[in-house]
Amino acid sequence: MKDNIFWKEIIKEDGRRVKMPFNVCERCEKEFSSGNTFASKYCSECAEQIKKEKTLERVKKYRLNKKYM
């Protein structure tokens, strides 16, 4: 995995300047900042889709194994 994390200076509503970590989504290559940027690979939209895909795969595998028991 390549290191996609970079820091941006953000101006808050009260005028303060804060440096925040951003990451690049591995799927859509969009910049995002989440609660745990260092552990996240995907933006929230892609993470939701990937979670559904992995769940479908896991359930399909479970049902196949259950059928042969």
N, C-alpha and C. Protein backbone atom coordinates (compact mmCIF):
# COMPACT_ATOMS: atom_id res chain seq x y z
N MET A 1 0.84 -1.18 0.00
CA MET A 1 0.00 0.00 0.00
C MET A 1 0.88 1.24 0.00
N LYS A 2 0.61 2.13 -0.90
CA LYS A 2 1.38 3.35 -0.94
C LYS A 2 0.84 4.34 0.09
N ASP A 3 1.70 5.24 0.50
CA ASP A 3 1.32 6.20 1.51
C ASP A 3 0.63 7.38 0.84
N ASN A 4 -0.69 7.48 0.97
CA ASN A 4 -1.47 8.52 0.33
C ASN A 4 -1.81 9.68 1.27
N ILE A 5 -1.33 9.64 2.49
CA ILE A 5 -1.70 10.65 3.47
C ILE A 5 -0.90 11.92 3.25
N PHE A 6 -1.60 13.03 3.27
CA PHE A 6 -0.94 14.33 3.18
C PHE A 6 -1.69 15.30 4.08
N TRP A 7 -1.06 16.41 4.39
CA TRP A 7 -1.62 17.38 5.32
C TRP A 7 -2.04 18.63 4.57
N LYS A 8 -3.21 19.17 4.92
CA LYS A 8 -3.71 20.42 4.35
C LYS A 8 -4.02 21.39 5.48
N GLU A 9 -3.81 22.67 5.19
CA GLU A 9 -4.17 23.69 6.17
C GLU A 9 -5.60 24.12 5.90
N ILE A 10 -6.45 23.98 6.91
CA ILE A 10 -7.86 24.29 6.81
C ILE A 10 -8.15 25.51 7.69
N ILE A 11 -9.00 26.41 7.21
CA ILE A 11 -9.42 27.55 8.01
C ILE A 11 -10.79 27.22 8.60
N LYS A 12 -10.84 27.17 9.93
CA LYS A 12 -12.09 26.85 10.63
C LYS A 12 -13.05 28.03 10.59
N GLU A 13 -14.29 27.80 11.02
CA GLU A 13 -15.32 28.84 11.02
C GLU A 13 -14.95 30.03 11.88
N ASP A 14 -14.22 29.77 12.96
CA ASP A 14 -13.84 30.86 13.86
C ASP A 14 -12.55 31.55 13.43
N GLY A 15 -12.01 31.20 12.27
CA GLY A 15 -10.83 31.86 11.72
C GLY A 15 -9.51 31.20 12.04
N ARG A 16 -9.53 30.14 12.86
CA ARG A 16 -8.29 29.44 13.19
C ARG A 16 -7.80 28.62 12.01
N ARG A 17 -6.50 28.52 11.88
CA ARG A 17 -5.91 27.66 10.85
C ARG A 17 -5.45 26.36 11.50
N VAL A 18 -5.87 25.25 10.91
CA VAL A 18 -5.56 23.94 11.47
C VAL A 18 -5.04 23.05 10.35
N LYS A 19 -3.99 22.29 10.63
CA LYS A 19 -3.50 21.31 9.65
C LYS A 19 -4.18 19.98 9.94
N MET A 20 -4.82 19.43 8.91
CA MET A 20 -5.55 18.17 9.06
C MET A 20 -5.03 17.14 8.07
N PRO A 21 -5.00 15.87 8.47
CA PRO A 21 -4.56 14.82 7.54
C PRO A 21 -5.66 14.47 6.55
N PHE A 22 -5.29 14.30 5.31
CA PHE A 22 -6.20 13.85 4.26
C PHE A 22 -5.61 12.60 3.63
N ASN A 23 -6.45 11.81 3.03
CA ASN A 23 -6.04 10.59 2.37
C ASN A 23 -6.69 10.56 0.99
N VAL A 24 -6.19 9.71 0.11
CA VAL A 24 -6.76 9.54 -1.22
C VAL A 24 -7.40 8.15 -1.29
N CYS A 25 -8.66 8.11 -1.69
CA CYS A 25 -9.40 6.85 -1.79
C CYS A 25 -8.74 5.96 -2.83
N GLU A 26 -8.56 4.69 -2.49
CA GLU A 26 -7.92 3.75 -3.42
C GLU A 26 -8.84 3.38 -4.58
N ARG A 27 -10.12 3.54 -4.41
CA ARG A 27 -11.07 3.14 -5.45
C ARG A 27 -11.38 4.30 -6.42
N CYS A 28 -11.78 5.45 -5.89
CA CYS A 28 -12.19 6.56 -6.76
C CYS A 28 -11.17 7.69 -6.82
N GLU A 29 -10.12 7.59 -6.02
CA GLU A 29 -9.02 8.56 -5.97
C GLU A 29 -9.48 9.96 -5.58
N LYS A 30 -10.52 10.03 -4.75
CA LYS A 30 -11.02 11.30 -4.24
C LYS A 30 -10.36 11.57 -2.88
N GLU A 31 -10.06 12.84 -2.60
CA GLU A 31 -9.49 13.21 -1.30
C GLU A 31 -10.57 13.12 -0.23
N PHE A 32 -10.20 12.62 0.95
CA PHE A 32 -11.15 12.58 2.05
C PHE A 32 -10.42 12.72 3.37
N SER A 33 -11.16 13.15 4.36
CA SER A 33 -10.65 13.24 5.72
C SER A 33 -11.71 12.62 6.61
N SER A 34 -11.35 11.57 7.30
CA SER A 34 -12.31 10.88 8.15
C SER A 34 -11.80 10.90 9.59
N GLY A 35 -12.50 10.22 10.45
CA GLY A 35 -12.12 10.18 11.85
C GLY A 35 -10.76 9.54 12.06
N ASN A 36 -10.45 8.51 11.29
CA ASN A 36 -9.16 7.83 11.41
C ASN A 36 -8.55 7.71 10.02
N THR A 37 -8.00 8.78 9.53
CA THR A 37 -7.44 8.84 8.18
C THR A 37 -6.31 7.84 8.00
N PHE A 38 -5.56 7.57 9.05
CA PHE A 38 -4.39 6.70 8.93
C PHE A 38 -4.78 5.24 8.72
N ALA A 39 -5.98 4.84 9.15
CA ALA A 39 -6.42 3.46 8.99
C ALA A 39 -7.37 3.27 7.82
N SER A 40 -7.88 4.36 7.25
CA SER A 40 -8.88 4.28 6.19
C SER A 40 -8.23 4.18 4.82
N LYS A 41 -8.78 3.29 3.99
CA LYS A 41 -8.32 3.17 2.61
C LYS A 41 -9.27 3.84 1.64
N TYR A 42 -10.54 3.94 2.06
CA TYR A 42 -11.59 4.37 1.15
C TYR A 42 -12.38 5.54 1.73
N CYS A 43 -12.95 6.37 0.84
CA CYS A 43 -13.85 7.43 1.28
C CYS A 43 -15.14 6.77 1.78
N SER A 44 -16.00 7.53 2.41
CA SER A 44 -17.20 6.95 3.02
C SER A 44 -18.14 6.30 2.00
N GLU A 45 -18.26 6.89 0.80
CA GLU A 45 -19.15 6.32 -0.21
C GLU A 45 -18.61 4.96 -0.71
N CYS A 46 -17.31 4.92 -1.01
CA CYS A 46 -16.72 3.67 -1.50
C CYS A 46 -16.67 2.62 -0.39
N ALA A 47 -16.43 3.05 0.84
CA ALA A 47 -16.37 2.11 1.96
C ALA A 47 -17.71 1.41 2.13
N GLU A 48 -18.80 2.14 1.95
CA GLU A 48 -20.13 1.56 2.06
C GLU A 48 -20.35 0.51 0.97
N GLN A 49 -19.96 0.82 -0.27
CA GLN A 49 -20.12 -0.13 -1.38
C GLN A 49 -19.26 -1.37 -1.17
N ILE A 50 -18.03 -1.18 -0.73
CA ILE A 50 -17.11 -2.31 -0.52
C ILE A 50 -17.62 -3.20 0.60
N LYS A 51 -18.18 -2.59 1.65
CA LYS A 51 -18.73 -3.37 2.75
C LYS A 51 -19.87 -4.26 2.25
N LYS A 52 -20.73 -3.72 1.38
CA LYS A 52 -21.83 -4.51 0.81
C LYS A 52 -21.30 -5.65 -0.05
N GLU A 53 -20.28 -5.36 -0.87
CA GLU A 53 -19.70 -6.39 -1.74
C GLU A 53 -19.09 -7.52 -0.91
N LYS A 54 -18.35 -7.17 0.12
CA LYS A 54 -17.72 -8.19 0.96
C LYS A 54 -18.76 -9.00 1.72
N THR A 55 -19.84 -8.35 2.15
CA THR A 55 -20.91 -9.07 2.84
C THR A 55 -21.56 -10.07 1.90
N LEU A 56 -21.82 -9.65 0.66
CA LEU A 56 -22.42 -10.56 -0.31
C LEU A 56 -21.52 -11.77 -0.55
N GLU A 57 -20.22 -11.54 -0.69
CA GLU A 57 -19.28 -12.65 -0.89
C GLU A 57 -19.27 -13.59 0.31
N ARG A 58 -19.24 -13.01 1.51
CA ARG A 58 -19.18 -13.82 2.73
C ARG A 58 -20.44 -14.66 2.89
N VAL A 59 -21.60 -14.07 2.63
CA VAL A 59 -22.87 -14.79 2.77
C VAL A 59 -22.98 -15.88 1.72
N LYS A 60 -22.55 -15.58 0.51
CA LYS A 60 -22.59 -16.58 -0.56
C LYS A 60 -21.72 -17.79 -0.19
N LYS A 61 -20.52 -17.52 0.32
CA LYS A 61 -19.61 -18.60 0.73
C LYS A 61 -20.22 -19.40 1.89
N TYR A 62 -20.82 -18.70 2.85
CA TYR A 62 -21.46 -19.36 3.99
C TYR A 62 -22.58 -20.28 3.52
N ARG A 63 -23.41 -19.79 2.60
CA ARG A 63 -24.54 -20.58 2.13
C ARG A 63 -24.10 -21.79 1.33
N LEU A 64 -23.02 -21.66 0.55
CA LEU A 64 -22.49 -22.81 -0.18
C LEU A 64 -21.97 -23.87 0.77
N ASN A 65 -21.23 -23.45 1.80
CA ASN A 65 -20.71 -24.40 2.77
C ASN A 65 -21.83 -25.06 3.57
N LYS A 66 -22.86 -24.33 3.87
CA LYS A 66 -23.99 -24.85 4.62
C LYS A 66 -24.76 -25.90 3.80
N LYS A 67 -24.82 -25.69 2.50
CA LYS A 67 -25.54 -26.60 1.61
C LYS A 67 -24.89 -27.98 1.59
N TYR A 68 -23.57 -28.03 1.69
CA TYR A 68 -22.84 -29.30 1.59
C TYR A 68 -22.65 -29.99 2.92
N MET A 69 -23.19 -29.45 3.99
CA MET A 69 -23.04 -30.08 5.31
C MET A 69 -24.01 -31.20 5.47
